[in-house]
Protein backbone atom coordinates (compact mmCIF):
# COMPACT_ATOMS: atom_id res chain seq x y z
CA GLY A 1 3.74 -7.19 -3.79
CA GLY A 2 2.01 -5.89 -0.71
CA PRO A 3 0.38 -8.44 1.59
CA ASN A 4 -3.19 -7.49 0.69
CA ALA A 5 -2.52 -7.47 -3.05
CA ARG A 6 -0.71 -10.79 -2.92
CA SER A 7 -3.46 -12.37 -0.82
CA LEU A 8 -6.25 -11.18 -3.12
CA LEU A 9 -4.44 -12.30 -6.27
CA LEU A 10 -3.63 -15.78 -4.94
CA SER A 11 -7.14 -16.25 -3.52
CA ASP A 12 -8.63 -15.36 -6.91
CA LEU A 13 -6.81 -18.27 -8.56
CA PRO A 14 -8.64 -21.62 -8.38
CA HIS A 15 -7.66 -24.22 -5.77
CA ASP A 16 -6.58 -26.55 -8.55
CA PHE A 17 -4.34 -24.02 -10.35
CA PRO A 18 -1.84 -26.50 -11.82
CA LEU A 19 1.32 -24.44 -12.22
CA PRO A 20 4.01 -23.65 -9.67
CA ILE A 21 3.95 -20.15 -8.21
CA PHE A 22 7.04 -18.40 -6.83
CA ILE A 23 6.72 -15.49 -4.40
CA VAL A 24 9.39 -13.06 -3.33
CA GLN A 25 8.21 -10.92 -0.44
CA HIS A 26 10.47 -8.41 1.29
CA MET A 27 10.16 -9.90 4.78
CA PRO A 28 12.65 -10.85 7.50
CA PRO A 29 13.32 -14.54 8.29
CA PRO A 30 10.93 -15.00 11.24
CA PHE A 31 7.91 -14.06 9.11
CA THR A 32 8.26 -16.04 5.88
CA PRO A 33 7.32 -19.47 7.36
CA LEU A 34 4.15 -17.89 8.72
CA LEU A 35 3.52 -16.26 5.33
CA ALA A 36 3.73 -19.65 3.60
CA LYS A 37 1.34 -21.15 6.16
CA HIS A 38 -1.20 -18.35 5.64
CA ILE A 39 -0.98 -18.62 1.84
CA ALA A 40 -1.69 -22.37 2.06
CA GLN A 41 -4.69 -21.73 4.34
CA ASP A 42 -6.04 -18.87 2.22
CA THR A 43 -5.69 -20.61 -1.16
CA GLY A 44 -6.17 -24.30 -0.38
CA ARG A 45 -2.99 -25.01 -2.37
CA PRO A 46 0.26 -26.36 -0.92
CA CYS A 47 2.69 -23.58 -0.01
CA ARG A 48 6.01 -23.63 1.78
CA GLU A 49 9.26 -21.79 2.08
CA ALA A 50 11.60 -22.82 -0.70
CA VAL A 51 14.56 -25.00 0.24
CA ASP A 52 17.86 -25.32 -1.57
CA LYS A 53 17.61 -28.05 -4.24
CA GLY A 54 13.94 -28.60 -3.37
CA ALA A 55 11.86 -30.12 -6.16
CA ILE A 56 9.43 -27.78 -7.90
CA LEU A 57 6.02 -29.44 -8.06
CA ARG A 58 3.01 -28.51 -10.15
CA GLY A 59 0.28 -26.74 -8.20
CA HIS A 60 2.59 -25.74 -5.35
CA THR A 61 3.55 -22.26 -4.19
CA TYR A 62 7.07 -21.42 -3.02
CA VAL A 63 8.02 -18.44 -0.86
CA ALA A 64 11.58 -17.10 -0.78
CA PRO A 65 12.83 -17.44 2.81
CA GLY A 66 13.73 -14.20 4.56
CA ASP A 67 17.35 -13.19 3.95
CA PHE A 68 17.74 -15.60 0.99
CA HIS A 69 17.48 -14.98 -2.73
CA MET A 70 15.43 -17.66 -4.50
CA GLN A 71 16.17 -18.95 -7.99
CA VAL A 72 14.97 -21.81 -10.15
CA ASP A 73 17.41 -24.31 -11.60
CA LYS A 74 17.51 -27.63 -13.39
CA LEU A 75 19.20 -30.48 -11.53
CA ASP A 76 19.52 -33.62 -13.64
CA ASP A 77 16.03 -33.94 -15.14
CA ARG A 78 14.03 -32.02 -12.54
CA MET A 79 13.34 -28.39 -11.75
CA VAL A 80 14.46 -27.22 -8.30
CA THR A 81 14.64 -24.08 -6.20
CA ARG A 82 18.04 -22.68 -5.26
CA LEU A 83 18.76 -20.38 -2.34
CA SER A 84 21.67 -18.02 -1.85
CA GLN A 85 22.74 -15.21 0.40
CA GLY A 86 24.31 -13.18 -2.36
CA PRO A 87 24.52 -9.42 -1.92
CA PRO A 88 21.23 -7.56 -1.44
CA GLU A 89 19.81 -6.01 -4.60
CA HIS A 90 18.07 -2.65 -4.25
CA TYR A 91 18.68 -3.10 -0.51
CA CYS A 92 16.61 -6.31 -0.59
CA ARG A 93 17.35 -9.92 0.21
CA PRO A 94 15.32 -11.63 -0.96
CA SER A 95 15.16 -9.68 -4.18
CA VAL A 96 12.93 -10.69 -7.05
CA ASN A 97 15.79 -10.11 -9.54
CA PRO A 98 17.52 -13.49 -9.03
CA LEU A 99 14.20 -15.29 -9.43
CA PHE A 100 13.28 -13.42 -12.61
CA HIS A 101 16.77 -13.88 -14.12
CA SER A 102 16.85 -17.63 -13.51
CA ALA A 103 13.21 -18.28 -14.44
CA ALA A 104 13.55 -16.31 -17.68
CA GLN A 105 16.60 -18.31 -18.71
CA LEU A 106 14.94 -21.66 -17.98
CA TYR A 107 11.33 -21.03 -18.97
CA GLY A 108 11.76 -18.38 -21.70
CA LYS A 109 8.48 -17.68 -23.50
CA SER A 110 6.58 -19.93 -21.09
CA LEU A 111 7.23 -17.62 -18.12
CA LEU A 112 4.51 -15.39 -16.75
CA ALA A 113 5.79 -12.82 -14.24
CA VAL A 114 3.71 -10.41 -12.16
CA MET A 115 4.89 -7.26 -10.39
CA LEU A 116 2.56 -6.11 -7.63
CA THR A 117 2.55 -2.99 -5.48
CA GLY A 118 5.84 -2.34 -3.74
CA MET A 119 8.35 0.33 -2.87
CA GLY A 120 11.47 0.99 -4.91
CA GLU A 121 12.67 -0.61 -8.12
CA ASP A 122 13.53 -4.15 -7.05
CA GLY A 123 12.90 -6.43 -9.98
CA ILE A 124 13.56 -4.04 -12.85
CA GLU A 125 16.75 -5.80 -13.97
CA GLY A 126 15.08 -9.19 -13.72
CA THR A 127 12.10 -7.88 -15.66
CA ARG A 128 14.45 -6.84 -18.47
CA THR A 129 15.71 -10.42 -18.56
CA VAL A 130 12.13 -11.74 -18.67
CA ALA A 131 11.49 -9.47 -21.68
CA GLU A 132 14.75 -10.46 -23.41
CA HIS A 133 13.76 -14.13 -23.17
CA GLY A 134 10.22 -13.58 -24.44
CA GLY A 135 8.42 -14.00 -21.11
CA TYR A 136 5.12 -12.29 -20.37
CA MET A 137 4.98 -9.49 -17.78
CA ILE A 138 1.97 -8.09 -15.94
CA ALA A 139 2.27 -5.03 -13.71
CA GLN A 140 -0.34 -3.80 -11.24
CA ASP A 141 -1.76 -0.38 -12.12
CA GLU A 142 -1.22 2.78 -10.12
CA GLU A 143 -4.84 3.18 -9.04
CA THR A 144 -4.98 -0.15 -7.17
CA SER A 145 -1.40 -0.09 -5.85
CA VAL A 146 -0.71 1.04 -2.31
CA VAL A 147 2.81 2.03 -3.42
CA TRP A 148 3.35 2.25 -7.16
CA GLY A 149 7.14 1.90 -7.12
CA MET A 150 8.06 -1.54 -8.42
CA PRO A 151 5.24 -1.81 -10.98
CA ALA A 152 5.86 1.82 -12.01
CA ALA A 153 9.49 1.01 -12.82
CA VAL A 154 8.30 -1.80 -15.09
CA ALA A 155 5.69 0.46 -16.72
CA ARG A 156 8.14 3.36 -17.25
CA GLU A 157 10.45 1.09 -19.24
CA ASN A 158 7.56 -0.32 -21.31
CA LEU A 159 8.33 -3.86 -20.12
CA ALA A 160 4.78 -4.83 -19.16
CA HIS A 161 2.55 -6.54 -21.67
CA LYS A 162 -0.37 -5.46 -19.52
CA ILE A 163 -0.81 -2.94 -16.70
CA LEU A 164 -3.92 -4.04 -14.86
CA PRO A 165 -6.05 -3.28 -11.81
CA LEU A 166 -5.43 -5.88 -9.13
CA GLN A 167 -8.86 -7.47 -9.61
CA GLN A 168 -8.10 -8.22 -13.28
CA ILE A 169 -4.74 -9.92 -12.78
CA ALA A 170 -5.94 -13.40 -11.72
CA PRO A 171 -8.48 -13.68 -14.57
CA THR A 172 -5.76 -12.58 -17.01
CA ILE A 173 -3.37 -15.20 -15.63
CA LEU A 174 -6.04 -17.88 -16.08
CA HIS A 175 -6.79 -16.72 -19.62
CA LEU A 176 -3.10 -16.69 -20.59
CA CYS A 177 -2.46 -20.11 -19.05
CA THR A 178 -5.52 -21.57 -20.75
CA ALA A 179 -4.21 -20.16 -24.03
CA GLY A 180 -0.90 -21.97 -23.42
CA ALA A 181 1.24 -18.91 -22.72
CA CYS A 182 2.35 -20.01 -19.23
CA LEU A 183 5.12 -22.28 -18.10
CA THR A 184 4.39 -25.96 -18.31
């Protein structure tokens, strides 16, 4: 999502939010380390650029490095991030599609995915995979989106369980996770 939307959403989650968060932002390589640093400062939660085969820890936030797709994987008995420089998707690398595809396959019904304001249709194929595996999808509404491209694509295909104003997304995430619908 857009920088302001992402910042507001993450800041509205509590400092002790226990689940891992994965962020794919369409940014070039020099900016993603700074993005991770700012997210950590703004939220009070650990945040860093993902590394290949890096352990996924509860309560941590992982940002896809610029020019790398980020996926989740299982290595032995632990969950890890994987990075690749596969072809751009929807002209994007990183694209959210590889993340959604891999997370849906590993987490299934325990996955909660959010599509925030953004241009184009990056993520639509991954969102279909989330739906096929029983994951839960939230899309930001048109009124609070700066550019209603990516969430609109999700809404047009009826893949969102909820289409919400930005201010309602964090409380909905907390409610769903309290009810046990989020990845554990």
